[in-house]
């Protein structure tokens, strides 16, 4: 207890980790990522982003190849997203 006889807030409230676990969140990946350096996390992010962009381009190419009218709007949306990045 503190000198003013109030219990420590830190001890009376569960930690964010404890609350996350209680909600069923698997925090093992968070902990593993926090063990990495900032540079390592940025490299992983960059690799994931490149993969996602490649997948999006593959979807657009597949939709173009199928040449279905209903895919034309999706193709336009994918192209608009790509242009926003540049």
PDB file of N, CA and C in Angstrom:
ATOM      1  N   UNK A   1       0.827  -1.180   0.000  1.00  0.00           N
ATOM      2  CA  UNK A   1       0.000   0.000   0.000  1.00  0.00           C
ATOM      3  C   UNK A   1       0.872   1.244   0.000  1.00  0.00           C
ATOM      4  N   UNK A   2       0.333   2.277  -0.579  1.00  0.00           N
ATOM      5  CA  UNK A   2       1.033   3.549  -0.607  1.00  0.00           C
ATOM      6  C   UNK A   2       0.870   4.230   0.740  1.00  0.00           C
ATOM      7  N   UNK A   3       1.696   5.237   1.037  1.00  0.00           N
ATOM      8  CA  UNK A   3       1.604   5.936   2.325  1.00  0.00           C
ATOM      9  C   UNK A   3       0.234   6.546   2.592  1.00  0.00           C
ATOM     10  N   UNK A   4      -0.515   6.903   1.552  1.00  0.00           N
ATOM     11  CA  UNK A   4      -1.832   7.499   1.772  1.00  0.00           C
ATOM     12  C   UNK A   4      -2.921   6.442   1.995  1.00  0.00           C
ATOM     13  N   UNK A   5      -2.506   5.211   2.202  1.00  0.00           N
ATOM     14  CA  UNK A   5      -3.395   4.080   2.482  1.00  0.00           C
ATOM     15  C   UNK A   5      -4.318   3.701   1.327  1.00  0.00           C
ATOM     16  N   UNK A   6      -4.035   4.195   0.128  1.00  0.00           N
ATOM     17  CA  UNK A   6      -4.805   3.777  -1.039  1.00  0.00           C
ATOM     18  C   UNK A   6      -4.062   2.613  -1.683  1.00  0.00           C
ATOM     19  N   UNK A   7      -4.793   1.584  -2.105  1.00  0.00           N
ATOM     20  CA  UNK A   7      -4.110   0.478  -2.771  1.00  0.00           C
ATOM     21  C   UNK A   7      -3.527   0.946  -4.101  1.00  0.00           C
ATOM     22  N   UNK A   8      -2.434   0.367  -4.474  1.00  0.00           N
ATOM     23  CA  UNK A   8      -1.802   0.714  -5.739  1.00  0.00           C
ATOM     24  C   UNK A   8      -2.725   0.354  -6.885  1.00  0.00           C
ATOM     25  N   UNK A   9      -2.921   1.296  -7.781  1.00  0.00           N
ATOM     26  CA  UNK A   9      -3.780   1.048  -8.937  1.00  0.00           C
ATOM     27  C   UNK A   9      -3.197  -0.073  -9.797  1.00  0.00           C
ATOM     28  N   UNK A  10      -1.888  -0.094  -9.879  1.00  0.00           N
ATOM     29  CA  UNK A  10      -1.220  -1.110 -10.700  1.00  0.00           C
ATOM     30  C   UNK A  10      -1.533  -2.516 -10.192  1.00  0.00           C
ATOM     31  N   UNK A  11      -1.632  -2.685  -8.915  1.00  0.00           N
ATOM     32  CA  UNK A  11      -1.895  -4.019  -8.363  1.00  0.00           C
ATOM     33  C   UNK A  11      -3.378  -4.352  -8.328  1.00  0.00           C
ATOM     34  N   UNK A  12      -4.236  -3.341  -8.338  1.00  0.00           N
ATOM     35  CA  UNK A  12      -5.657  -3.627  -8.214  1.00  0.00           C
ATOM     36  C   UNK A  12      -6.326  -3.894  -9.558  1.00  0.00           C
ATOM     37  N   UNK A  13      -5.712  -3.452 -10.652  1.00  0.00           N
ATOM     38  CA  UNK A  13      -6.284  -3.689 -11.968  1.00  0.00           C
ATOM     39  C   UNK A  13      -5.460  -4.739 -12.704  1.00  0.00           C
ATOM     40  N   UNK A  14      -6.142  -5.616 -13.447  1.00  0.00           N
ATOM     41  CA  UNK A  14      -5.382  -6.602 -14.220  1.00  0.00           C
ATOM     42  C   UNK A  14      -4.626  -5.907 -15.354  1.00  0.00           C
ATOM     43  N   UNK A  15      -3.507  -6.460 -15.722  1.00  0.00           N
ATOM     44  CA  UNK A  15      -2.721  -5.884 -16.809  1.00  0.00           C
ATOM     45  C   UNK A  15      -3.460  -6.045 -18.133  1.00  0.00           C
ATOM     46  N   UNK A  16      -3.008  -5.295 -19.130  1.00  0.00           N
ATOM     47  CA  UNK A  16      -3.603  -5.408 -20.460  1.00  0.00           C
ATOM     48  C   UNK A  16      -3.417  -6.827 -21.001  1.00  0.00           C
ATOM     49  N   UNK A  17      -2.256  -7.436 -20.706  1.00  0.00           N
ATOM     50  CA  UNK A  17      -2.023  -8.818 -21.145  1.00  0.00           C
ATOM     51  C   UNK A  17      -3.048  -9.758 -20.522  1.00  0.00           C
ATOM     52  N   UNK A  18      -3.281  -9.586 -19.215  1.00  0.00           N
ATOM     53  CA  UNK A  18      -4.227 -10.452 -18.510  1.00  0.00           C
ATOM     54  C   UNK A  18      -5.633 -10.280 -19.067  1.00  0.00           C
ATOM     55  N   UNK A  19      -6.030  -9.044 -19.317  1.00  0.00           N
ATOM     56  CA  UNK A  19      -7.369  -8.788 -19.876  1.00  0.00           C
ATOM     57  C   UNK A  19      -7.489  -9.377 -21.271  1.00  0.00           C
ATOM     58  N   UNK A  20      -6.426  -9.247 -22.067  1.00  0.00           N
ATOM     59  CA  UNK A  20      -6.456  -9.800 -23.420  1.00  0.00           C
ATOM     60  C   UNK A  20      -6.606 -11.322 -23.380  1.00  0.00           C
ATOM     61  N   UNK A  21      -5.843 -11.961 -22.495  1.00  0.00           N
ATOM     62  CA  UNK A  21      -5.955 -13.421 -22.348  1.00  0.00           C
ATOM     63  C   UNK A  21      -7.358 -13.816 -21.920  1.00  0.00           C
ATOM     64  N   UNK A  22      -7.947 -13.062 -20.990  1.00  0.00           N
ATOM     65  CA  UNK A  22      -9.288 -13.366 -20.501  1.00  0.00           C
ATOM     66  C   UNK A  22     -10.328 -13.254 -21.613  1.00  0.00           C
ATOM     67  N   UNK A  23     -10.050 -12.400 -22.603  1.00  0.00           N
ATOM     68  CA  UNK A  23     -10.967 -12.247 -23.740  1.00  0.00           C
ATOM     69  C   UNK A  23     -10.722 -13.300 -24.817  1.00  0.00           C
ATOM     70  N   UNK A  24      -9.762 -14.158 -24.588  1.00  0.00           N
ATOM     71  CA  UNK A  24      -9.477 -15.227 -25.544  1.00  0.00           C
ATOM     72  C   UNK A  24      -8.489 -14.848 -26.626  1.00  0.00           C
ATOM     73  N   UNK A  25      -7.780 -13.738 -26.454  1.00  0.00           N
ATOM     74  CA  UNK A  25      -6.802 -13.301 -27.446  1.00  0.00           C
ATOM     75  C   UNK A  25      -5.491 -14.049 -27.231  1.00  0.00           C
ATOM     76  N   UNK A  26      -4.980 -14.608 -28.307  1.00  0.00           N
ATOM     77  CA  UNK A  26      -3.694 -15.299 -28.249  1.00  0.00           C
ATOM     78  C   UNK A  26      -2.599 -14.246 -28.376  1.00  0.00           C
ATOM     79  N   UNK A  27      -1.921 -13.969 -27.299  1.00  0.00           N
ATOM     80  CA  UNK A  27      -0.920 -12.902 -27.304  1.00  0.00           C
ATOM     81  C   UNK A  27       0.488 -13.408 -27.617  1.00  0.00           C
ATOM     82  N   UNK A  28       0.613 -14.682 -27.916  1.00  0.00           N
ATOM     83  CA  UNK A  28       1.949 -15.227 -28.183  1.00  0.00           C
ATOM     84  C   UNK A  28       2.588 -14.560 -29.396  1.00  0.00           C
ATOM     85  N   UNK A  29       1.810 -14.278 -30.441  1.00  0.00           N
ATOM     86  CA  UNK A  29       2.362 -13.622 -31.625  1.00  0.00           C
ATOM     87  C   UNK A  29       2.771 -12.191 -31.303  1.00  0.00           C
ATOM     88  N   UNK A  30       1.977 -11.505 -30.497  1.00  0.00           N
ATOM     89  CA  UNK A  30       2.346 -10.148 -30.079  1.00  0.00           C
ATOM     90  C   UNK A  30       3.673 -10.161 -29.323  1.00  0.00           C
ATOM     91  N   UNK A  31       3.791 -11.091 -28.397  1.00  0.00           N
ATOM     92  CA  UNK A  31       5.035 -11.180 -27.622  1.00  0.00           C
ATOM     93  C   UNK A  31       6.225 -11.493 -28.525  1.00  0.00           C
ATOM     94  N   UNK A  32       6.021 -12.408 -29.469  1.00  0.00           N
ATOM     95  CA  UNK A  32       7.109 -12.779 -30.377  1.00  0.00           C
ATOM     96  C   UNK A  32       7.536 -11.580 -31.221  1.00  0.00           C
ATOM     97  N   UNK A  33       6.563 -10.804 -31.696  1.00  0.00           N
ATOM     98  CA  UNK A  33       6.899  -9.633 -32.504  1.00  0.00           C
ATOM     99  C   UNK A  33       7.590  -8.560 -31.682  1.00  0.00           C
ATOM    100  N   UNK A  34       7.228  -8.424 -30.424  1.00  0.00           N
ATOM    101  CA  UNK A  34       7.872  -7.421 -29.577  1.00  0.00           C
ATOM    102  C   UNK A  34       9.307  -7.787 -29.232  1.00  0.00           C
ATOM    103  N   UNK A  35       9.665  -9.058 -29.395  1.00  0.00           N
ATOM    104  CA  UNK A  35      11.052  -9.472 -29.171  1.00  0.00           C
ATOM    105  C   UNK A  35      11.959  -9.070 -30.346  1.00  0.00           C
ATOM    106  N   UNK A  36      11.341  -8.775 -31.493  1.00  0.00           N
ATOM    107  CA  UNK A  36      12.112  -8.385 -32.674  1.00  0.00           C
ATOM    108  C   UNK A  36      12.537  -6.924 -32.578  1.00  0.00           C
ATOM    109  N   UNK A  37      13.579  -6.607 -33.295  1.00  0.00           N
ATOM    110  CA  UNK A  37      13.975  -5.201 -33.362  1.00  0.00           C
ATOM    111  C   UNK A  37      13.002  -4.472 -34.284  1.00  0.00           C
ATOM    112  N   UNK A  38      13.033  -3.162 -34.225  1.00  0.00           N
ATOM    113  CA  UNK A  38      12.164  -2.367 -35.102  1.00  0.00           C
ATOM    114  C   UNK A  38      12.491  -2.678 -36.564  1.00  0.00           C
ATOM    115  N   UNK A  39      13.754  -2.777 -36.884  1.00  0.00           N
ATOM    116  CA  UNK A  39      14.162  -3.072 -38.261  1.00  0.00           C
ATOM    117  C   UNK A  39      13.609  -4.427 -38.711  1.00  0.00           C
ATOM    118  N   UNK A  40      13.671  -5.425 -37.831  1.00  0.00           N
ATOM    119  CA  UNK A  40      13.143  -6.754 -38.186  1.00  0.00           C
ATOM    120  C   UNK A  40      11.633  -6.696 -38.406  1.00  0.00           C
ATOM    121  N   UNK A  41      10.925  -5.944 -37.567  1.00  0.00           N
ATOM    122  CA  UNK A  41       9.472  -5.814 -37.742  1.00  0.00           C
ATOM    123  C   UNK A  41       9.147  -5.104 -39.052  1.00  0.00           C
ATOM    124  N   UNK A  42       9.920  -4.077 -39.399  1.00  0.00           N
ATOM    125  CA  UNK A  42       9.687  -3.367 -40.654  1.00  0.00           C
ATOM    126  C   UNK A  42       9.952  -4.262 -41.861  1.00  0.00           C
ATOM    127  N   UNK A  43      10.991  -5.087 -41.784  1.00  0.00           N
ATOM    128  CA  UNK A  43      11.268  -6.019 -42.879  1.00  0.00           C
ATOM    129  C   UNK A  43      10.129  -7.018 -43.057  1.00  0.00           C
ATOM    130  N   UNK A  44       9.604  -7.518 -41.951  1.00  0.00           N
ATOM    131  CA  UNK A  44       8.472  -8.448 -42.031  1.00  0.00           C
ATOM    132  C   UNK A  44       7.235  -7.766 -42.599  1.00  0.00           C
ATOM    133  N   UNK A  45       7.003  -6.534 -42.170  1.00  0.00           N
ATOM    134  CA  UNK A  45       5.862  -5.780 -42.691  1.00  0.00           C
ATOM    135  C   UNK A  45       6.005  -5.574 -44.194  1.00  0.00           C
ATOM    136  N   UNK A  46       7.205  -5.197 -44.630  1.00  0.00           N
ATOM    137  CA  UNK A  46       7.451  -4.962 -46.047  1.00  0.00           C
ATOM    138  C   UNK A  46       7.208  -6.230 -46.860  1.00  0.00           C
ATOM    139  N   UNK A  47       7.666  -7.354 -46.361  1.00  0.00           N
ATOM    140  CA  UNK A  47       7.465  -8.628 -47.066  1.00  0.00           C
ATOM    141  C   UNK A  47       5.979  -8.970 -47.150  1.00  0.00           C
ATOM    142  N   UNK A  48       5.250  -8.763 -46.071  1.00  0.00           N
ATOM    143  CA  UNK A  48       3.809  -9.051 -46.073  1.00  0.00           C
ATOM    144  C   UNK A  48       3.076  -8.119 -47.027  1.00  0.00           C
ATOM    145  N   UNK A  49       3.463  -6.861 -47.044  1.00  0.00           N
ATOM    146  CA  UNK A  49       2.836  -5.894 -47.946  1.00  0.00           C
ATOM    147  C   UNK A  49       3.090  -6.266 -49.399  1.00  0.00           C
ATOM    148  N   UNK A  50       4.333  -6.630 -49.719  1.00  0.00           N
ATOM    149  CA  UNK A  50       4.644  -7.043 -51.099  1.00  0.00           C
ATOM    150  C   UNK A  50       3.820  -8.262 -51.496  1.00  0.00           C
ATOM    151  N   UNK A  51       3.658  -9.207 -50.587  1.00  0.00           N
ATOM    152  CA  UNK A  51       2.852 -10.399 -50.875  1.00  0.00           C
ATOM    153  C   UNK A  51       1.400 -10.037 -51.142  1.00  0.00           C
ATOM    154  N   UNK A  52       0.859  -9.144 -50.316  1.00  0.00           N
ATOM    155  CA  UNK A  52      -0.532  -8.730 -50.476  1.00  0.00           C
ATOM    156  C   UNK A  52      -0.734  -8.011 -51.806  1.00  0.00           C
ATOM    157  N   UNK A  53       0.200  -7.125 -52.165  1.00  0.00           N
ATOM    158  CA  UNK A  53       0.084  -6.408 -53.434  1.00  0.00           C
ATOM    159  C   UNK A  53       0.184  -7.361 -54.620  1.00  0.00           C
ATOM    160  N   UNK A  54       1.063  -8.339 -54.518  1.00  0.00           N
ATOM    161  CA  UNK A  54       1.205  -9.329 -55.575  1.00  0.00           C
ATOM    162  C   UNK A  54      -0.075 -10.155 -55.728  1.00  0.00           C
ATOM    163  N   UNK A  55      -0.658 -10.534 -54.613  1.00  0.00           N
ATOM    164  CA  UNK A  55      -1.913 -11.299 -54.647  1.00  0.00           C
ATOM    165  C   UNK A  55      -3.029 -10.463 -55.265  1.00  0.00           C
ATOM    166  N   UNK A  56      -3.097  -9.199 -54.888  1.00  0.00           N
ATOM    167  CA  UNK A  56      -4.145  -8.328 -55.438  1.00  0.00           C
ATOM    168  C   UNK A  56      -3.987  -8.197 -56.947  1.00  0.00           C
ATOM    169  N   UNK A  57      -2.742  -8.043 -57.420  1.00  0.00           N
ATOM    170  CA  UNK A  57      -2.512  -7.951 -58.855  1.00  0.00           C
ATOM    171  C   UNK A  57      -2.881  -9.253 -59.564  1.00  0.00           C
ATOM    172  N   UNK A  58      -2.606 -10.383 -58.928  1.00  0.00           N
ATOM    173  CA  UNK A  58      -2.963 -11.680 -59.517  1.00  0.00           C
ATOM    174  C   UNK A  58      -4.481 -11.827 -59.627  1.00  0.00           C
ATOM    175  N   UNK A  59      -5.208 -11.361 -58.618  1.00  0.00           N
ATOM    176  CA  UNK A  59      -6.676 -11.419 -58.661  1.00  0.00           C
ATOM    177  C   UNK A  59      -7.191 -10.561 -59.809  1.00  0.00           C
ATOM    178  N   UNK A  60      -6.629  -9.365 -59.943  1.00  0.00           N
ATOM    179  CA  UNK A  60      -7.045  -8.471 -61.022  1.00  0.00           C
ATOM    180  C   UNK A  60      -6.775  -9.122 -62.373  1.00  0.00           C
ATOM    181  N   UNK A  61      -5.604  -9.709 -62.549  1.00  0.00           N
ATOM    182  CA  UNK A  61      -5.261 -10.366 -63.822  1.00  0.00           C
ATOM    183  C   UNK A  61      -6.191 -11.539 -64.097  1.00  0.00           C
ATOM    184  N   UNK A  62      -6.518 -12.305 -63.069  1.00  0.00           N
ATOM    185  CA  UNK A  62      -7.424 -13.451 -63.251  1.00  0.00           C
ATOM    186  C   UNK A  62      -8.817 -12.973 -63.649  1.00  0.00           C
ATOM    187  N   UNK A  63      -9.274 -11.900 -63.032  1.00  0.00           N
ATOM    188  CA  UNK A  63     -10.594 -11.372 -63.374  1.00  0.00           C
ATOM    189  C   UNK A  63     -10.614 -10.841 -64.808  1.00  0.00           C
ATOM    190  N   UNK A  64      -9.525 -10.202 -65.222  1.00  0.00           N
ATOM    191  CA  UNK A  64      -9.452  -9.724 -66.602  1.00  0.00           C
ATOM    192  C   UNK A  64      -9.486 -10.899 -67.581  1.00  0.00           C
ATOM    193  N   UNK A  65      -8.779 -11.975 -67.248  1.00  0.00           N
ATOM    194  CA  UNK A  65      -8.704 -13.136 -68.128  1.00  0.00           C
ATOM    195  C   UNK A  65     -10.059 -13.815 -68.277  1.00  0.00           C
ATOM    196  N   UNK A  66     -10.877 -13.782 -67.217  1.00  0.00           N
ATOM    197  CA  UNK A  66     -12.201 -14.409 -67.294  1.00  0.00           C
ATOM    198  C   UNK A  66     -13.172 -13.574 -68.121  1.00  0.00           C
ATOM    199  N   UNK A  67     -12.887 -12.278 -68.212  1.00  0.00           N
ATOM    200  CA  UNK A  67     -13.672 -11.368 -69.042  1.00  0.00           C
ATOM    201  C   UNK A  67     -15.177 -11.443 -68.755  1.00  0.00           C
ATOM    202  N   UNK A  68     -15.532 -11.526 -67.491  1.00  0.00           N
ATOM    203  CA  UNK A  68     -16.944 -11.531 -67.114  1.00  0.00           C
ATOM    204  C   UNK A  68     -17.386 -10.100 -66.822  1.00  0.00           C
ATOM    205  N   UNK A  69     -18.556  -9.716 -67.285  1.00  0.00           N
ATOM    206  CA  UNK A  69     -19.031  -8.353 -67.049  1.00  0.00           C
ATOM    207  C   UNK A  69     -19.088  -7.978 -65.559  1.00  0.00           C
ATOM    208  N   UNK A  70     -19.463  -8.920 -64.720  1.00  0.00           N
ATOM    209  CA  UNK A  70     -19.585  -8.594 -63.296  1.00  0.00           C
ATOM    210  C   UNK A  70     -18.236  -8.302 -62.634  1.00  0.00           C
ATOM    211  N   UNK A  71     -17.156  -8.733 -63.275  1.00  0.00           N
ATOM    212  CA  UNK A  71     -15.821  -8.489 -62.727  1.00  0.00           C
ATOM    213  C   UNK A  71     -15.268  -7.121 -63.116  1.00  0.00           C
ATOM    214  N   UNK A  72     -15.879  -6.466 -64.087  1.00  0.00           N
ATOM    215  CA  UNK A  72     -15.341  -5.192 -64.566  1.00  0.00           C
ATOM    216  C   UNK A  72     -15.284  -4.136 -63.458  1.00  0.00           C
ATOM    217  N   UNK A  73     -16.308  -4.070 -62.612  1.00  0.00           N
ATOM    218  CA  UNK A  73     -16.303  -3.102 -61.504  1.00  0.00           C
ATOM    219  C   UNK A  73     -15.201  -3.433 -60.500  1.00  0.00           C
ATOM    220  N   UNK A  74     -15.033  -4.712 -60.219  1.00  0.00           N
ATOM    221  CA  UNK A  74     -13.979  -5.121 -59.288  1.00  0.00           C
ATOM    222  C   UNK A  74     -12.610  -4.756 -59.842  1.00  0.00           C
ATOM    223  N   UNK A  75     -12.421  -4.926 -61.144  1.00  0.00           N
ATOM    224  CA  UNK A  75     -11.143  -4.578 -61.771  1.00  0.00           C
ATOM    225  C   UNK A  75     -10.885  -3.079 -61.634  1.00  0.00           C
ATOM    226  N   UNK A  76     -11.908  -2.277 -61.868  1.00  0.00           N
ATOM    227  CA  UNK A  76     -11.755  -0.825 -61.736  1.00  0.00           C
ATOM    228  C   UNK A  76     -11.382  -0.442 -60.301  1.00  0.00           C
ATOM    229  N   UNK A  77     -12.002  -1.097 -59.338  1.00  0.00           N
ATOM    230  CA  UNK A  77     -11.694  -0.810 -57.935  1.00  0.00           C
ATOM    231  C   UNK A  77     -10.256  -1.200 -57.590  1.00  0.00           C
ATOM    232  N   UNK A  78      -9.820  -2.347 -58.058  1.00  0.00           N
ATOM    233  CA  UNK A  78      -8.443  -2.781 -57.806  1.00  0.00           C
ATOM    234  C   UNK A  78      -7.440  -1.838 -58.455  1.00  0.00           C
ATOM    235  N   UNK A  79      -7.738  -1.379 -59.667  1.00  0.00           N
ATOM    236  CA  UNK A  79      -6.836  -0.452 -60.338  1.00  0.00           C
ATOM    237  C   UNK A  79      -6.797   0.893 -59.626  1.00  0.00           C
ATOM    238  N   UNK A  80      -7.949   1.334 -59.106  1.00  0.00           N
ATOM    239  CA  UNK A  80      -7.995   2.601 -58.359  1.00  0.00           C
ATOM    240  C   UNK A  80      -7.163   2.512 -57.079  1.00  0.00           C
ATOM    241  N   UNK A  81      -7.231   1.377 -56.412  1.00  0.00           N
ATOM    242  CA  UNK A  81      -6.412   1.186 -55.212  1.00  0.00           C
ATOM    243  C   UNK A  81      -4.928   1.238 -55.543  1.00  0.00           C
ATOM    244  N   UNK A  82      -4.567   0.624 -56.630  1.00  0.00           N
ATOM    245  CA  UNK A  82      -3.161   0.581 -57.039  1.00  0.00           C
ATOM    246  C   UNK A  82      -2.650   1.990 -57.383  1.00  0.00           C
ATOM    247  N   UNK A  83      -3.502   2.777 -58.041  1.00  0.00           N
ATOM    248  CA  UNK A  83      -3.113   4.139 -58.411  1.00  0.00           C
ATOM    249  C   UNK A  83      -2.937   5.021 -57.177  1.00  0.00           C
ATOM    250  N   UNK A  84      -3.749   4.802 -56.167  1.00  0.00           N
ATOM    251  CA  UNK A  84      -3.641   5.595 -54.941  1.00  0.00           C
ATOM    252  C   UNK A  84      -2.300   5.386 -54.251  1.00  0.00           C
ATOM    253  N   UNK A  85      -1.735   4.192 -54.401  1.00  0.00           N
ATOM    254  CA  UNK A  85      -0.455   3.891 -53.766  1.00  0.00           C
ATOM    255  C   UNK A  85       0.699   4.620 -54.432  1.00  0.00           C
ATOM    256  N   UNK A  86       0.587   4.843 -55.717  1.00  0.00           N
ATOM    257  CA  UNK A  86       1.695   5.461 -56.471  1.00  0.00           C
ATOM    258  C   UNK A  86       1.724   6.934 -56.266  1.00  0.00           C
TER     259      UNK A  86
END
